[in-house]
Amino acid sequence: MIAEIKLGLCNPPEPIYLYVKNAELGGESYLWYHYDIDKEKTIPVPQRALTGYLSELRLTTKEFKGKDNLKLDIVVSADELYIVRTGVETNFAKSFLLAASLIQDFSKPLIIVANAGDENTVFCNLYDAASKTKIYREWSRDLDWATIIRDIQSLLGSASSSIPSTPKLSVVPQPVHPQDLRVKNIRTLLDYPLDLVREWLQFQDTNSPSQLHISKIDELVKTMCLAWAADKCEYPNEAESLYQTHIPHFNLKYKVITAKIKATSQDN
């Protein structure tokens, strides 16, 4: 596809990255988003579909919390160059690969659609842009994802060297951050609603306790504890008084343990 060259002022010819995630920000639900690195800001994308020509499929290793994470980059030529980036083991990646494996001619435009699933998952639907026909392949546990990727790359004319000859696409469990584990354990112990924790995190412009300063986590823990004790204390200020008397000691101990864990991980 040869696009018309528009003369005059324009933005640098850099790809637009779309990151896949089922989330909500500021009351707005979205399934993929841009990320402004300079401002450290998530920018939701309300449109659920992207129409264009699949030009490349590649695997990219990105470091996250000291671990290498394998990402699938779906490169799409449209009004701009788009790169849909998602984990290679995600439902979005696998449902995309399933449908794309049926295509023999990538010279025709496609519509890539992000669809919400259960428990914050995101799936991908693929359509022929001209006929609006959905491209569907039945799921099977016996699929060889590495071969599927190589076959699609071959049809796209990509160099097979962009993917290892025997890539390891198995799920590698990631260690749970102490902050996340702390909040999870306390929330479970107190039977505190998960939705309220998510709402609190959204007000902090994050979706993970591990991204916050420990003082903020202390605030969340206090909120959960006081909510649990609200109907169990005889006097209005009794819960607050008990919390101030007993909990800070445990918070201080937790901070010391967390600092030691962090120092150990940095040494390694």
C-alpha atoms as a PDB file:
ATOM      1  CA  MET A   1       0.000   0.000   0.000  1.00  0.00           C
ATOM      2  CA  ILE A   2       1.441   3.371  -1.037  1.00  0.00           C
ATOM      3  CA  ALA A   3       0.010   6.176   1.071  1.00  0.00           C
ATOM      4  CA  GLU A   4      -0.343   9.701  -0.207  1.00  0.00           C
ATOM      5  CA  ILE A   5       2.452  11.911   1.086  1.00  0.00           C
ATOM      6  CA  LYS A   6       1.045  14.989   2.797  1.00  0.00           C
ATOM      7  CA  LEU A   7       3.353  17.984   2.735  1.00  0.00           C
ATOM      8  CA  GLY A   8       3.717  20.471   5.579  1.00  0.00           C
ATOM      9  CA  LEU A   9       3.965  20.296   9.345  1.00  0.00           C
ATOM     10  CA  CYS A  10       3.478  16.854  10.860  1.00  0.00           C
ATOM     11  CA  ASN A  11       4.400  14.617  13.744  1.00  0.00           C
ATOM     12  CA  PRO A  12       7.587  12.524  13.639  1.00  0.00           C
ATOM     13  CA  PRO A  13       7.097   9.246  11.718  1.00  0.00           C
ATOM     14  CA  GLU A  14       7.042   7.098  14.849  1.00  0.00           C
ATOM     15  CA  PRO A  15       4.678   4.158  15.372  1.00  0.00           C
ATOM     16  CA  ILE A  16       1.615   4.495  17.585  1.00  0.00           C
ATOM     17  CA  TYR A  17       1.652   1.776  20.221  1.00  0.00           C
ATOM     18  CA  LEU A  18      -1.588   0.242  21.443  1.00  0.00           C
ATOM     19  CA  TYR A  19      -1.308  -1.752  24.686  1.00  0.00           C
ATOM     20  CA  VAL A  20      -4.043  -4.256  25.436  1.00  0.00           C
ATOM     21  CA  LYS A  21      -5.798  -4.134  28.806  1.00  0.00           C
ATOM     22  CA  ASN A  22      -9.330  -4.416  30.153  1.00  0.00           C
ATOM     23  CA  ALA A  23      -9.559  -1.539  32.613  1.00  0.00           C
ATOM     24  CA  GLU A  24     -11.263   1.676  33.599  1.00  0.00           C
ATOM     25  CA  LEU A  25      -9.824   5.138  34.148  1.00  0.00           C
ATOM     26  CA  GLY A  26     -11.756   8.172  35.281  1.00  0.00           C
ATOM     27  CA  GLY A  27     -15.037   6.348  34.797  1.00  0.00           C
ATOM     28  CA  GLU A  28     -14.115   5.433  31.219  1.00  0.00           C
ATOM     29  CA  SER A  29     -13.812   1.772  30.260  1.00  0.00           C
ATOM     30  CA  TYR A  30     -11.273   0.775  27.646  1.00  0.00           C
ATOM     31  CA  LEU A  31      -9.638  -2.337  26.170  1.00  0.00           C
ATOM     32  CA  TRP A  32      -6.442  -0.812  24.843  1.00  0.00           C
ATOM     33  CA  TYR A  33      -4.563   2.411  25.403  1.00  0.00           C
ATOM     34  CA  HIS A  34      -1.646   4.653  24.502  1.00  0.00           C
ATOM     35  CA  TYR A  35       0.994   5.440  27.098  1.00  0.00           C
ATOM     36  CA  ASP A  36       2.726   8.818  27.295  1.00  0.00           C
ATOM     37  CA  ILE A  37       6.167   7.910  28.632  1.00  0.00           C
ATOM     38  CA  ASP A  38       7.218  11.528  29.215  1.00  0.00           C
ATOM     39  CA  LYS A  39       4.139  12.267  31.320  1.00  0.00           C
ATOM     40  CA  GLU A  40       3.801   8.706  32.673  1.00  0.00           C
ATOM     41  CA  LYS A  41       0.160   8.880  31.674  1.00  0.00           C
ATOM     42  CA  THR A  42      -2.260   6.241  30.429  1.00  0.00           C
ATOM     43  CA  ILE A  43      -4.458   7.477  27.573  1.00  0.00           C
ATOM     44  CA  PRO A  44      -7.520   5.239  26.994  1.00  0.00           C
ATOM     45  CA  VAL A  45      -8.521   4.524  23.387  1.00  0.00           C
ATOM     46  CA  PRO A  46     -12.341   4.430  23.132  1.00  0.00           C
ATOM     47  CA  GLN A  47     -12.426   2.834  19.657  1.00  0.00           C
ATOM     48  CA  ARG A  48     -12.419  -0.965  19.885  1.00  0.00           C
ATOM     49  CA  ALA A  49     -11.299  -1.674  16.337  1.00  0.00           C
ATOM     50  CA  LEU A  50      -8.319  -0.893  14.110  1.00  0.00           C
ATOM     51  CA  THR A  51      -8.501  -1.233  10.322  1.00  0.00           C
ATOM     52  CA  GLY A  52      -5.340  -1.608   8.280  1.00  0.00           C
ATOM     53  CA  TYR A  53      -2.850  -3.900   6.588  1.00  0.00           C
ATOM     54  CA  LEU A  54      -0.948  -6.414   8.691  1.00  0.00           C
ATOM     55  CA  SER A  55       2.637  -5.721   7.679  1.00  0.00           C
ATOM     56  CA  GLU A  56       4.729  -7.529  10.275  1.00  0.00           C
ATOM     57  CA  LEU A  57       4.524  -9.882  13.230  1.00  0.00           C
ATOM     58  CA  ARG A  58       7.401 -10.007  15.644  1.00  0.00           C
ATOM     59  CA  LEU A  59       8.377 -11.071  19.136  1.00  0.00           C
ATOM     60  CA  THR A  60       9.944  -8.497  21.415  1.00  0.00           C
ATOM     61  CA  THR A  61      11.511  -9.068  24.816  1.00  0.00           C
ATOM     62  CA  LYS A  62      10.761  -6.327  27.353  1.00  0.00           C
ATOM     63  CA  GLU A  63      12.128  -6.205  30.874  1.00  0.00           C
ATOM     64  CA  PHE A  64       9.570  -5.867  33.669  1.00  0.00           C
ATOM     65  CA  LYS A  65      10.474  -5.996  37.364  1.00  0.00           C
ATOM     66  CA  GLY A  66      13.814  -7.563  36.546  1.00  0.00           C
ATOM     67  CA  LYS A  67      12.305 -10.307  34.377  1.00  0.00           C
ATOM     68  CA  ASP A  68      12.252 -10.707  30.591  1.00  0.00           C
ATOM     69  CA  ASN A  69       8.702 -10.736  29.230  1.00  0.00           C
ATOM     70  CA  LEU A  70       7.974 -11.908  25.692  1.00  0.00           C
ATOM     71  CA  LYS A  71       5.628  -9.577  23.815  1.00  0.00           C
ATOM     72  CA  LEU A  72       3.814 -10.058  20.529  1.00  0.00           C
ATOM     73  CA  ASP A  73       3.984  -6.968  18.304  1.00  0.00           C
ATOM     74  CA  ILE A  74       1.254  -6.808  15.665  1.00  0.00           C
ATOM     75  CA  VAL A  75       2.393  -4.165  13.170  1.00  0.00           C
ATOM     76  CA  VAL A  76      -0.428  -2.553  11.194  1.00  0.00           C
ATOM     77  CA  SER A  77      -0.137  -0.005   8.367  1.00  0.00           C
ATOM     78  CA  ALA A  78      -3.099   2.381   8.281  1.00  0.00           C
ATOM     79  CA  ASP A  79      -3.407   6.182   8.414  1.00  0.00           C
ATOM     80  CA  GLU A  80      -0.374   5.846  10.696  1.00  0.00           C
ATOM     81  CA  LEU A  81       1.875   2.950  11.595  1.00  0.00           C
ATOM     82  CA  TYR A  82       0.366   1.131  14.577  1.00  0.00           C
ATOM     83  CA  ILE A  83       1.913  -1.522  16.791  1.00  0.00           C
ATOM     84  CA  VAL A  84      -0.460  -3.527  18.955  1.00  0.00           C
ATOM     85  CA  ARG A  85       1.680  -4.889  21.788  1.00  0.00           C
ATOM     86  CA  THR A  86       0.466  -7.656  24.079  1.00  0.00           C
ATOM     87  CA  GLY A  87       1.902 -10.564  26.019  1.00  0.00           C
ATOM     88  CA  VAL A  88       2.511 -13.551  23.781  1.00  0.00           C
ATOM     89  CA  GLU A  89       0.634 -15.821  26.217  1.00  0.00           C
ATOM     90  CA  THR A  90      -2.450 -13.588  26.530  1.00  0.00           C
ATOM     91  CA  ASN A  91      -5.916 -14.475  25.279  1.00  0.00           C
ATOM     92  CA  PHE A  92      -5.705 -11.492  22.918  1.00  0.00           C
ATOM     93  CA  ALA A  93      -2.499 -12.760  21.300  1.00  0.00           C
ATOM     94  CA  LYS A  94      -3.703 -16.344  20.947  1.00  0.00           C
ATOM     95  CA  SER A  95      -7.143 -15.434  19.566  1.00  0.00           C
ATOM     96  CA  PHE A  96      -5.462 -13.098  17.071  1.00  0.00           C
ATOM     97  CA  LEU A  97      -2.987 -15.783  15.991  1.00  0.00           C
ATOM     98  CA  LEU A  98      -5.761 -18.350  15.604  1.00  0.00           C
ATOM     99  CA  ALA A  99      -7.660 -16.155  13.165  1.00  0.00           C
ATOM    100  CA  ALA A 100      -4.573 -14.844  11.353  1.00  0.00           C
ATOM    101  CA  SER A 101      -3.363 -18.405  10.753  1.00  0.00           C
ATOM    102  CA  LEU A 102      -6.270 -18.883   8.312  1.00  0.00           C
ATOM    103  CA  ILE A 103      -5.259 -15.946   6.113  1.00  0.00           C
ATOM    104  CA  GLN A 104      -3.220 -16.693   3.003  1.00  0.00           C
ATOM    105  CA  ASP A 105      -3.255 -13.215   1.434  1.00  0.00           C
ATOM    106  CA  PHE A 106      -2.238 -10.318   3.680  1.00  0.00           C
ATOM    107  CA  SER A 107      -2.455  -7.773   0.852  1.00  0.00           C
ATOM    108  CA  LYS A 108      -6.060  -7.107   1.875  1.00  0.00           C
ATOM    109  CA  PRO A 109      -6.979  -4.871   4.835  1.00  0.00           C
ATOM    110  CA  LEU A 110      -8.149  -6.411   8.099  1.00  0.00           C
ATOM    111  CA  ILE A 111     -10.158  -5.176  11.069  1.00  0.00           C
ATOM    112  CA  ILE A 112      -8.655  -6.017  14.447  1.00  0.00           C
ATOM    113  CA  VAL A 113     -11.248  -5.832  17.227  1.00  0.00           C
ATOM    114  CA  ALA A 114     -10.651  -5.877  20.983  1.00  0.00           C
ATOM    115  CA  ASN A 115     -13.419  -7.688  22.876  1.00  0.00           C
ATOM    116  CA  ALA A 116     -13.853  -7.839  26.650  1.00  0.00           C
ATOM    117  CA  GLY A 117     -13.949 -11.241  28.315  1.00  0.00           C
ATOM    118  CA  ASP A 118     -14.503 -12.370  31.888  1.00  0.00           C
ATOM    119  CA  GLU A 119     -12.247 -11.333  34.766  1.00  0.00           C
ATOM    120  CA  ASN A 120     -10.562  -8.435  32.949  1.00  0.00           C
ATOM    121  CA  THR A 121      -9.425 -10.539  29.982  1.00  0.00           C
ATOM    122  CA  VAL A 122      -9.377  -9.241  26.405  1.00  0.00           C
ATOM    123  CA  PHE A 123      -9.905 -11.328  23.270  1.00  0.00           C
ATOM    124  CA  CYS A 124      -9.273 -10.442  19.635  1.00  0.00           C
ATOM    125  CA  ASN A 125     -11.679 -10.803  16.718  1.00  0.00           C
ATOM    126  CA  LEU A 126     -10.404 -10.498  13.171  1.00  0.00           C
ATOM    127  CA  TYR A 127     -12.516  -9.437  10.167  1.00  0.00           C
ATOM    128  CA  ASP A 128     -12.022  -9.085   6.446  1.00  0.00           C
ATOM    129  CA  ALA A 129     -12.310  -5.311   6.052  1.00  0.00           C
ATOM    130  CA  ALA A 130     -13.971  -5.469   2.626  1.00  0.00           C
ATOM    131  CA  SER A 131     -16.650  -8.090   3.336  1.00  0.00           C
ATOM    132  CA  LYS A 132     -16.905  -7.494   7.118  1.00  0.00           C
ATOM    133  CA  THR A 133     -16.702 -11.288   7.464  1.00  0.00           C
ATOM    134  CA  LYS A 134     -15.368 -12.631  10.747  1.00  0.00           C
ATOM    135  CA  ILE A 135     -12.322 -14.893  10.442  1.00  0.00           C
ATOM    136  CA  TYR A 136     -12.663 -17.693  12.960  1.00  0.00           C
ATOM    137  CA  ARG A 137     -10.709 -20.811  13.853  1.00  0.00           C
ATOM    138  CA  GLU A 138     -11.704 -23.319  16.527  1.00  0.00           C
ATOM    139  CA  TRP A 139      -9.568 -23.356  19.669  1.00  0.00           C
ATOM    140  CA  SER A 140      -7.467 -26.450  20.339  1.00  0.00           C
ATOM    141  CA  ARG A 141      -5.081 -27.366  23.125  1.00  0.00           C
ATOM    142  CA  ASP A 142      -2.729 -29.049  20.662  1.00  0.00           C
ATOM    143  CA  LEU A 143      -1.846 -25.898  18.733  1.00  0.00           C
ATOM    144  CA  ASP A 144       1.826 -25.147  18.105  1.00  0.00           C
ATOM    145  CA  TRP A 145       1.958 -21.386  18.638  1.00  0.00           C
ATOM    146  CA  ALA A 146       5.615 -21.068  17.580  1.00  0.00           C
ATOM    147  CA  THR A 147       4.842 -22.703  14.236  1.00  0.00           C
ATOM    148  CA  ILE A 148       1.769 -20.508  13.750  1.00  0.00           C
ATOM    149  CA  ILE A 149       3.861 -17.380  14.307  1.00  0.00           C
ATOM    150  CA  ARG A 150       6.568 -18.546  11.901  1.00  0.00           C
ATOM    151  CA  ASP A 151       3.990 -19.410   9.221  1.00  0.00           C
ATOM    152  CA  ILE A 152       2.378 -15.972   9.457  1.00  0.00           C
ATOM    153  CA  GLN A 153       5.781 -14.298   9.364  1.00  0.00           C
ATOM    154  CA  SER A 154       6.684 -16.301   6.292  1.00  0.00           C
ATOM    155  CA  LEU A 155       3.539 -15.143   4.485  1.00  0.00           C
ATOM    156  CA  LEU A 156       4.258 -11.565   5.495  1.00  0.00           C
ATOM    157  CA  GLY A 157       7.784 -11.866   4.138  1.00  0.00           C
ATOM    158  CA  SER A 158       9.339 -11.395   7.567  1.00  0.00           C
ATOM    159  CA  ALA A 159      12.735 -12.859   8.301  1.00  0.00           C
ATOM    160  CA  SER A 160      12.340 -16.070  10.237  1.00  0.00           C
ATOM    161  CA  SER A 161      15.329 -15.022  12.342  1.00  0.00           C
ATOM    162  CA  SER A 162      13.083 -12.577  14.204  1.00  0.00           C
ATOM    163  CA  ILE A 163      11.782 -15.536  16.189  1.00  0.00           C
ATOM    164  CA  PRO A 164      13.932 -18.253  17.812  1.00  0.00           C
ATOM    165  CA  SER A 165      13.894 -21.623  16.085  1.00  0.00           C
ATOM    166  CA  THR A 166      12.352 -23.219  19.175  1.00  0.00           C
ATOM    167  CA  PRO A 167      10.831 -20.342  21.162  1.00  0.00           C
ATOM    168  CA  LYS A 168       9.629 -21.084  24.648  1.00  0.00           C
ATOM    169  CA  LEU A 169       6.055 -19.846  24.853  1.00  0.00           C
ATOM    170  CA  SER A 170       5.134 -21.452  28.144  1.00  0.00           C
ATOM    171  CA  VAL A 171       3.720 -19.365  30.969  1.00  0.00           C
ATOM    172  CA  VAL A 172       6.410 -18.337  33.433  1.00  0.00           C
ATOM    173  CA  PRO A 173       4.950 -17.422  36.846  1.00  0.00           C
ATOM    174  CA  GLN A 174       6.060 -13.970  37.936  1.00  0.00           C
ATOM    175  CA  PRO A 175       6.959 -13.332  41.596  1.00  0.00           C
ATOM    176  CA  VAL A 176       4.299 -11.439  43.529  1.00  0.00           C
ATOM    177  CA  HIS A 177       5.459  -8.058  44.810  1.00  0.00           C
ATOM    178  CA  PRO A 178       5.359  -7.834  48.652  1.00  0.00           C
ATOM    179  CA  GLN A 179       3.070  -4.786  48.479  1.00  0.00           C
ATOM    180  CA  ASP A 180       0.567  -6.613  46.267  1.00  0.00           C
ATOM    181  CA  LEU A 181       0.701  -9.698  48.482  1.00  0.00           C
ATOM    182  CA  ARG A 182       0.205  -7.632  51.625  1.00  0.00           C
ATOM    183  CA  VAL A 183      -2.932  -5.948  50.293  1.00  0.00           C
ATOM    184  CA  LYS A 184      -4.290  -9.223  48.929  1.00  0.00           C
ATOM    185  CA  ASN A 185      -3.793 -11.083  52.214  1.00  0.00           C
ATOM    186  CA  ILE A 186      -5.393  -8.364  54.330  1.00  0.00           C
ATOM    187  CA  ARG A 187      -8.281  -7.896  51.909  1.00  0.00           C
ATOM    188  CA  THR A 188      -8.937 -11.647  51.932  1.00  0.00           C
ATOM    189  CA  LEU A 189      -8.675 -11.875  55.710  1.00  0.00           C
ATOM    190  CA  LEU A 190     -11.155  -9.033  56.228  1.00  0.00           C
ATOM    191  CA  ASP A 191     -13.378 -10.066  53.310  1.00  0.00           C
ATOM    192  CA  TYR A 192     -13.066  -6.509  52.006  1.00  0.00           C
ATOM    193  CA  PRO A 193     -14.722  -6.007  48.561  1.00  0.00           C
ATOM    194  CA  LEU A 194     -12.228  -6.247  45.690  1.00  0.00           C
ATOM    195  CA  ASP A 195     -14.147  -3.596  43.735  1.00  0.00           C
ATOM    196  CA  LEU A 196     -13.524  -1.059  46.508  1.00  0.00           C
ATOM    197  CA  VAL A 197      -9.783  -1.777  46.409  1.00  0.00           C
ATOM    198  CA  ARG A 198      -9.762  -1.317  42.635  1.00  0.00           C
ATOM    199  CA  GLU A 199     -11.702   1.944  42.976  1.00  0.00           C
ATOM    200  CA  TRP A 200      -9.239   3.205  45.594  1.00  0.00           C
ATOM    201  CA  LEU A 201      -6.291   2.355  43.326  1.00  0.00           C
ATOM    202  CA  GLN A 202      -7.937   4.152  40.412  1.00  0.00           C
ATOM    203  CA  PHE A 203      -8.126   7.317  42.508  1.00  0.00           C
ATOM    204  CA  GLN A 204      -4.356   6.954  42.897  1.00  0.00           C
ATOM    205  CA  ASP A 205      -4.014   6.665  39.079  1.00  0.00           C
ATOM    206  CA  THR A 206      -2.692   3.117  39.284  1.00  0.00           C
ATOM    207  CA  ASN A 207      -3.958  -0.462  39.234  1.00  0.00           C
ATOM    208  CA  SER A 208      -1.346  -2.117  41.413  1.00  0.00           C
ATOM    209  CA  PRO A 209      -0.315  -1.482  45.048  1.00  0.00           C
ATOM    210  CA  SER A 210       3.318  -2.167  44.099  1.00  0.00           C
ATOM    211  CA  GLN A 211       3.361   1.068  42.074  1.00  0.00           C
ATOM    212  CA  LEU A 212       2.608   3.191  45.136  1.00  0.00           C
ATOM    213  CA  HIS A 213       4.728   4.474  48.016  1.00  0.00           C
ATOM    214  CA  ILE A 214       4.415   2.330  51.117  1.00  0.00           C
ATOM    215  CA  SER A 215       2.755   5.218  52.998  1.00  0.00           C
ATOM    216  CA  LYS A 216      -0.134   5.021  50.528  1.00  0.00           C
ATOM    217  CA  ILE A 217      -0.441   1.289  51.142  1.00  0.00           C
ATOM    218  CA  ASP A 218      -0.622   2.025  54.874  1.00  0.00           C
ATOM    219  CA  GLU A 219      -3.597   4.295  54.126  1.00  0.00           C
ATOM    220  CA  LEU A 220      -5.327   1.525  52.185  1.00  0.00           C
ATOM    221  CA  VAL A 221      -4.692  -1.020  54.944  1.00  0.00           C
ATOM    222  CA  LYS A 222      -6.110   1.391  57.511  1.00  0.00           C
ATOM    223  CA  THR A 223      -9.195   1.985  55.350  1.00  0.00           C
ATOM    224  CA  MET A 224      -9.853  -1.752  55.088  1.00  0.00           C
ATOM    225  CA  CYS A 225      -9.287  -2.373  58.811  1.00  0.00           C
ATOM    226  CA  LEU A 226     -11.542   0.468  59.955  1.00  0.00           C
ATOM    227  CA  ALA A 227     -14.286  -0.570  57.537  1.00  0.00           C
ATOM    228  CA  TRP A 228     -14.150  -4.111  58.921  1.00  0.00           C
ATOM    229  CA  ALA A 229     -14.282  -2.894  62.549  1.00  0.00           C
ATOM    230  CA  ALA A 230     -16.976  -0.261  61.997  1.00  0.00           C
ATOM    231  CA  ASP A 231     -19.860  -2.473  63.139  1.00  0.00           C
ATOM    232  CA  LYS A 232     -17.873  -4.425  65.719  1.00  0.00           C
ATOM    233  CA  CYS A 233     -16.925  -1.630  68.163  1.00  0.00           C
ATOM    234  CA  GLU A 234     -19.212  -0.185  70.791  1.00  0.00           C
ATOM    235  CA  TYR A 235     -17.941   3.390  70.628  1.00  0.00           C
ATOM    236  CA  PRO A 236     -17.500   5.550  67.480  1.00  0.00           C
ATOM    237  CA  ASN A 237     -13.757   6.176  67.961  1.00  0.00           C
ATOM    238  CA  GLU A 238     -12.902   2.777  69.406  1.00  0.00           C
ATOM    239  CA  ALA A 239     -11.824   1.272  66.063  1.00  0.00           C
ATOM    240  CA  GLU A 240      -9.538   4.225  65.304  1.00  0.00           C
ATOM    241  CA  SER A 241      -8.001   4.014  68.780  1.00  0.00           C
ATOM    242  CA  LEU A 242      -7.364   0.268  68.518  1.00  0.00           C
ATOM    243  CA  TYR A 243      -5.813   0.698  65.098  1.00  0.00           C
ATOM    244  CA  GLN A 244      -3.450   3.441  66.301  1.00  0.00           C
ATOM    245  CA  THR A 245      -2.451   1.305  69.289  1.00  0.00           C
ATOM    246  CA  HIS A 246      -1.765  -2.018  67.592  1.00  0.00           C
ATOM    247  CA  ILE A 247      -1.307  -1.694  63.817  1.00  0.00           C
ATOM    248  CA  PRO A 248       1.583   0.822  63.452  1.00  0.00           C
ATOM    249  CA  HIS A 249       3.941  -1.705  65.108  1.00  0.00           C
ATOM    250  CA  PHE A 250       3.112  -4.271  62.428  1.00  0.00           C
ATOM    251  CA  ASN A 251       3.380  -1.648  59.686  1.00  0.00           C
ATOM    252  CA  LEU A 252       6.877  -0.723  60.849  1.00  0.00           C
ATOM    253  CA  LYS A 253       7.903  -4.377  60.956  1.00  0.00           C
ATOM    254  CA  TYR A 254       6.528  -4.880  57.448  1.00  0.00           C
ATOM    255  CA  LYS A 255       8.486  -1.870  56.139  1.00  0.00           C
ATOM    256  CA  VAL A 256      11.738  -3.308  57.528  1.00  0.00           C
ATOM    257  CA  ILE A 257      11.058  -6.708  55.904  1.00  0.00           C
ATOM    258  CA  THR A 258      10.170  -5.063  52.582  1.00  0.00           C
ATOM    259  CA  ALA A 259      13.365  -2.985  52.644  1.00  0.00           C
ATOM    260  CA  LYS A 260      15.441  -6.116  53.225  1.00  0.00           C
ATOM    261  CA  ILE A 261      13.748  -7.954  50.359  1.00  0.00           C
ATOM    262  CA  LYS A 262      14.346  -5.001  48.039  1.00  0.00           C
ATOM    263  CA  ALA A 263      18.011  -4.735  49.041  1.00  0.00           C
ATOM    264  CA  THR A 264      18.517  -8.478  48.488  1.00  0.00           C
ATOM    265  CA  SER A 265      16.927  -8.370  45.012  1.00  0.00           C
ATOM    266  CA  GLN A 266      19.159  -5.444  44.015  1.00  0.00           C
ATOM    267  CA  ASP A 267      22.265  -7.297  45.162  1.00  0.00           C
ATOM    268  CA  ASN A 268      21.302 -10.256  42.967  1.00  0.00           C
END
